Amino acid sequence: MEVSDGGEEDGDVYVAFLAGTGEGALLAVASRVATSPGGPAGANAVVSDDEAKEFGLGLRVVLPLPAS
């Protein structure tokens, strides 16, 4: 899995990029970050790809993920 060196601000949200493995694994990592101490309140993940026509387009997933 690849995690960007840092995120970036897009309007009033902070964006971090994860890539390089399956969708389920990426969402699990994003969920752990959202529930870690100091993690963001009201976090969402957007599942997209590098072919998206516009930044932020894709399936929006509310974090943390429900327990399975």
N, C-alpha and C. Protein backbone atom coordinates (compact mmCIF):
# COMPACT_ATOMS: atom_id res chain seq x y z
N MET A 1 0.84 -1.16 0.00
CA MET A 1 0.00 0.00 0.00
C MET A 1 0.89 1.23 0.00
N GLU A 2 0.44 2.25 -0.64
CA GLU A 2 1.17 3.51 -0.72
C GLU A 2 0.35 4.60 -0.03
N VAL A 3 1.00 5.34 0.86
CA VAL A 3 0.37 6.47 1.53
C VAL A 3 1.16 7.70 1.11
N SER A 4 0.46 8.73 0.67
CA SER A 4 1.16 9.93 0.23
C SER A 4 1.96 10.52 1.38
N ASP A 5 2.99 11.29 1.06
CA ASP A 5 3.84 11.92 2.07
C ASP A 5 3.05 12.86 2.97
N GLY A 6 2.00 13.35 2.48
CA GLY A 6 1.16 14.26 3.25
C GLY A 6 -0.14 14.44 2.51
N GLY A 7 -1.05 15.06 3.14
CA GLY A 7 -2.32 15.32 2.48
C GLY A 7 -2.33 16.74 1.98
N GLU A 8 -3.50 17.17 1.64
CA GLU A 8 -3.66 18.55 1.21
C GLU A 8 -5.05 19.03 1.58
N GLU A 9 -5.17 20.33 1.69
CA GLU A 9 -6.47 20.90 1.99
C GLU A 9 -7.21 21.15 0.68
N ASP A 10 -8.49 20.87 0.70
CA ASP A 10 -9.38 21.13 -0.44
C ASP A 10 -10.61 21.81 0.13
N GLY A 11 -10.63 23.12 0.08
CA GLY A 11 -11.71 23.86 0.70
C GLY A 11 -11.60 23.72 2.21
N ASP A 12 -12.67 23.24 2.84
CA ASP A 12 -12.65 23.12 4.30
C ASP A 12 -12.39 21.68 4.77
N VAL A 13 -11.86 20.84 3.90
CA VAL A 13 -11.55 19.46 4.28
C VAL A 13 -10.06 19.18 4.05
N TYR A 14 -9.56 18.20 4.79
CA TYR A 14 -8.19 17.74 4.63
C TYR A 14 -8.22 16.40 3.92
N VAL A 15 -7.41 16.24 2.90
CA VAL A 15 -7.44 15.04 2.06
C VAL A 15 -6.10 14.32 2.15
N ALA A 16 -6.16 13.01 2.43
CA ALA A 16 -4.98 12.16 2.39
C ALA A 16 -5.23 11.11 1.31
N PHE A 17 -4.18 10.67 0.65
CA PHE A 17 -4.32 9.72 -0.44
C PHE A 17 -3.71 8.38 -0.08
N LEU A 18 -4.47 7.31 -0.29
CA LEU A 18 -4.01 5.94 -0.09
C LEU A 18 -4.16 5.22 -1.42
N ALA A 19 -3.21 4.37 -1.76
CA ALA A 19 -3.29 3.66 -3.04
C ALA A 19 -2.49 2.37 -2.97
N GLY A 20 -2.70 1.50 -3.94
CA GLY A 20 -1.82 0.37 -4.14
C GLY A 20 -2.30 -0.98 -3.65
N THR A 21 -3.54 -1.08 -3.20
CA THR A 21 -4.05 -2.38 -2.77
C THR A 21 -5.56 -2.38 -2.99
N GLY A 22 -6.22 -3.42 -2.55
CA GLY A 22 -7.66 -3.53 -2.78
C GLY A 22 -8.48 -2.51 -1.99
N GLU A 23 -9.66 -2.25 -2.48
CA GLU A 23 -10.57 -1.28 -1.87
C GLU A 23 -10.86 -1.58 -0.41
N GLY A 24 -11.11 -2.84 -0.08
CA GLY A 24 -11.43 -3.21 1.29
C GLY A 24 -10.29 -2.90 2.25
N ALA A 25 -9.07 -3.20 1.85
CA ALA A 25 -7.90 -2.92 2.69
C ALA A 25 -7.69 -1.42 2.87
N LEU A 26 -7.89 -0.66 1.80
CA LEU A 26 -7.73 0.80 1.89
C LEU A 26 -8.78 1.40 2.82
N LEU A 27 -10.01 0.94 2.72
CA LEU A 27 -11.06 1.46 3.59
C LEU A 27 -10.82 1.07 5.05
N ALA A 28 -10.26 -0.12 5.29
CA ALA A 28 -9.94 -0.54 6.66
C ALA A 28 -8.88 0.39 7.26
N VAL A 29 -7.86 0.74 6.49
CA VAL A 29 -6.83 1.66 6.97
C VAL A 29 -7.43 3.03 7.24
N ALA A 30 -8.24 3.53 6.33
CA ALA A 30 -8.88 4.84 6.52
C ALA A 30 -9.76 4.83 7.77
N SER A 31 -10.44 3.74 8.02
CA SER A 31 -11.29 3.61 9.19
C SER A 31 -10.47 3.65 10.47
N ARG A 32 -9.31 2.97 10.47
CA ARG A 32 -8.43 2.98 11.65
C ARG A 32 -7.90 4.39 11.91
N VAL A 33 -7.55 5.10 10.86
CA VAL A 33 -7.07 6.48 11.03
C VAL A 33 -8.18 7.34 11.61
N ALA A 34 -9.41 7.16 11.14
CA ALA A 34 -10.53 7.97 11.61
C ALA A 34 -10.84 7.73 13.08
N THR A 35 -10.49 6.55 13.61
CA THR A 35 -10.79 6.24 15.01
C THR A 35 -9.56 6.34 15.91
N SER A 36 -8.43 6.74 15.37
CA SER A 36 -7.22 6.86 16.18
C SER A 36 -7.27 8.14 17.00
N PRO A 37 -6.54 8.18 18.11
CA PRO A 37 -6.51 9.40 18.92
C PRO A 37 -6.06 10.59 18.05
N GLY A 38 -6.81 11.64 18.10
CA GLY A 38 -6.51 12.81 17.28
C GLY A 38 -7.02 12.69 15.86
N GLY A 39 -7.69 11.58 15.57
CA GLY A 39 -8.24 11.37 14.23
C GLY A 39 -9.36 12.37 13.96
N PRO A 40 -9.68 12.55 12.71
CA PRO A 40 -10.67 13.55 12.34
C PRO A 40 -12.10 13.14 12.69
N ALA A 41 -12.88 14.08 13.19
CA ALA A 41 -14.31 13.84 13.42
C ALA A 41 -15.04 14.02 12.09
N GLY A 42 -16.06 13.21 11.86
CA GLY A 42 -16.84 13.35 10.63
C GLY A 42 -16.08 12.96 9.38
N ALA A 43 -15.22 11.95 9.48
CA ALA A 43 -14.39 11.55 8.34
C ALA A 43 -15.20 10.78 7.30
N ASN A 44 -14.81 10.94 6.07
CA ASN A 44 -15.36 10.20 4.93
C ASN A 44 -14.21 9.73 4.06
N ALA A 45 -14.44 8.67 3.33
CA ALA A 45 -13.50 8.22 2.31
C ALA A 45 -14.21 8.35 0.97
N VAL A 46 -13.46 8.65 -0.06
CA VAL A 46 -14.01 8.66 -1.41
C VAL A 46 -13.22 7.64 -2.22
N VAL A 47 -13.91 6.63 -2.71
CA VAL A 47 -13.29 5.59 -3.52
C VAL A 47 -13.33 6.07 -4.96
N SER A 48 -12.15 6.25 -5.54
CA SER A 48 -12.06 6.80 -6.89
C SER A 48 -10.86 6.17 -7.58
N ASP A 49 -10.51 6.68 -8.74
CA ASP A 49 -9.31 6.24 -9.43
C ASP A 49 -8.66 7.42 -10.13
N ASP A 50 -7.48 7.19 -10.66
CA ASP A 50 -6.75 8.30 -11.28
C ASP A 50 -7.34 8.72 -12.62
N GLU A 51 -8.36 8.03 -13.07
CA GLU A 51 -9.04 8.41 -14.32
C GLU A 51 -10.26 9.29 -14.07
N ALA A 52 -10.58 9.58 -12.81
CA ALA A 52 -11.76 10.39 -12.50
C ALA A 52 -11.64 11.76 -13.17
N LYS A 53 -12.76 12.25 -13.67
CA LYS A 53 -12.76 13.52 -14.39
C LYS A 53 -12.56 14.71 -13.46
N GLU A 54 -12.89 14.53 -12.18
CA GLU A 54 -12.80 15.65 -11.24
C GLU A 54 -12.40 15.12 -9.86
N PHE A 55 -11.64 15.90 -9.14
CA PHE A 55 -11.20 15.55 -7.79
C PHE A 55 -12.41 15.36 -6.89
N GLY A 56 -12.40 14.28 -6.10
CA GLY A 56 -13.47 14.04 -5.14
C GLY A 56 -14.68 13.29 -5.68
N LEU A 57 -14.65 12.91 -6.95
CA LEU A 57 -15.76 12.13 -7.51
C LEU A 57 -15.55 10.66 -7.21
N GLY A 58 -16.60 9.99 -6.83
CA GLY A 58 -16.52 8.57 -6.56
C GLY A 58 -17.46 8.19 -5.44
N LEU A 59 -17.39 6.95 -5.03
CA LEU A 59 -18.23 6.43 -3.96
C LEU A 59 -17.78 7.02 -2.63
N ARG A 60 -18.67 7.70 -1.92
CA ARG A 60 -18.36 8.28 -0.61
C ARG A 60 -18.76 7.29 0.47
N VAL A 61 -17.82 7.02 1.39
CA VAL A 61 -18.01 6.05 2.47
C VAL A 61 -17.82 6.78 3.80
N VAL A 62 -18.82 6.71 4.68
CA VAL A 62 -18.73 7.33 5.99
C VAL A 62 -17.84 6.47 6.88
N LEU A 63 -16.91 7.12 7.57
CA LEU A 63 -15.99 6.43 8.47
C LEU A 63 -16.30 6.79 9.91
N PRO A 64 -16.03 5.91 10.85
CA PRO A 64 -15.42 4.60 10.69
C PRO A 64 -16.42 3.60 10.11
N LEU A 65 -15.87 2.53 9.54
CA LEU A 65 -16.72 1.47 9.01
C LEU A 65 -17.44 0.76 10.16
N PRO A 66 -18.65 0.25 9.92
CA PRO A 66 -19.32 -0.51 10.97
C PRO A 66 -18.55 -1.79 11.28
N ALA A 67 -18.63 -2.23 12.52
CA ALA A 67 -17.96 -3.48 12.91
C ALA A 67 -18.60 -4.63 12.14
N SER A 68 -17.78 -5.56 11.71
CA SER A 68 -18.32 -6.70 10.94
C SER A 68 -18.49 -7.93 11.78
